[in-house]
Protein backbone atom coordinates (compact mmCIF):
# COMPACT_ATOMS: atom_id res chain seq x y z
CA MET A 1 -0.49 -0.26 -0.03
CA ALA A 2 2.58 2.23 0.75
CA THR A 3 4.68 1.82 -2.49
CA ASN A 4 1.23 2.12 -4.06
CA SER A 5 0.58 5.51 -2.53
CA MET A 6 4.56 6.42 -3.02
CA THR A 7 3.96 5.64 -6.85
CA LEU A 8 0.49 7.80 -7.48
CA PHE A 9 2.26 10.49 -5.25
CA PHE A 10 5.27 10.98 -7.70
CA GLN A 11 3.06 10.16 -10.87
CA GLY A 12 0.90 13.01 -9.44
CA LYS A 13 -2.54 11.43 -9.25
CA LEU A 14 -2.98 10.72 -5.46
CA PHE A 15 -4.20 14.05 -5.17
CA ALA A 16 -6.82 15.87 -6.70
CA ASP A 17 -4.99 18.81 -7.12
CA PRO A 18 -1.65 18.22 -7.13
CA SER A 19 0.01 21.69 -7.60
CA LYS A 20 -1.87 22.34 -3.80
CA ALA A 21 -0.74 19.36 -2.17
CA TYR A 22 3.29 20.18 -3.67
CA ARG A 23 2.77 24.09 -2.11
CA GLN A 24 1.52 22.69 1.33
CA LEU A 25 4.60 20.27 1.50
CA ALA A 26 6.74 23.49 0.22
CA VAL A 27 5.51 25.13 2.92
CA GLY A 28 6.38 22.94 5.63
CA GLY A 29 9.89 22.56 4.22
CA GLY A 30 9.82 26.11 4.69
CA VAL A 31 9.24 26.62 7.85
CA THR A 32 11.06 23.91 8.98
CA ALA A 33 14.33 25.50 7.30
CA VAL A 34 13.16 28.70 8.91
CA VAL A 35 13.24 27.25 12.51
CA LEU A 36 16.16 25.05 11.57
CA VAL A 37 17.95 28.36 10.84
CA VAL A 38 17.13 30.79 13.52
CA LEU A 39 17.82 28.18 15.84
CA SER A 40 21.40 28.10 15.19
CA LEU A 41 21.33 31.88 14.54
CA ILE A 42 20.61 32.06 18.41
CA GLY A 43 23.09 29.98 19.12
CA ALA A 44 21.37 26.17 19.37
CA PRO A 45 23.53 23.46 18.76
CA VAL A 46 22.83 22.57 15.56
CA TRP A 47 21.61 18.94 16.41
CA LEU A 48 19.11 20.39 18.86
CA ALA A 49 17.67 22.86 16.02
CA ALA A 50 17.56 20.04 13.39
CA ILE A 51 15.05 17.97 16.28
CA VAL A 52 13.46 20.66 17.02
CA GLY A 53 12.89 21.84 13.41
CA GLY A 54 12.10 18.91 12.45
CA LEU A 55 9.37 18.47 15.20
CA ILE A 56 7.31 21.66 14.11
CA GLY A 57 7.60 20.77 10.85
CA GLY A 58 6.30 17.64 11.64
CA ALA A 59 3.72 18.96 13.75
CA ILE A 60 2.36 21.07 11.16
CA GLN A 61 2.22 18.95 8.29
CA PRO A 62 -1.38 17.26 9.54
CA TYR A 63 -2.20 20.96 9.43
CA LEU A 64 -1.30 21.76 6.42
CA PHE A 65 -2.78 18.71 4.78
CA LYS A 66 -6.53 18.65 6.24
CA ASP A 67 -8.08 20.14 2.98
CA LEU A 68 -6.22 18.28 0.64
CA LYS A 69 -8.22 15.78 -1.58
CA TYR A 70 -7.78 11.96 -2.44
CA ARG A 71 -8.62 10.65 -5.86
């Protein structure tokens, strides 16, 4: 099932509006990158900034993907 879903995702056939899904994915990645850079700039160790950035980025994905429709 996971392989089939990944195949459909990369073919652009998993979501009814693939551009919205890609945009939401990019927003999540951007937020994660901003959190990582900000924490690194304020002096947090890189490993801690990566963990916190990943947690925040992963936590907002359900919110970003809540309105996506599947085919």
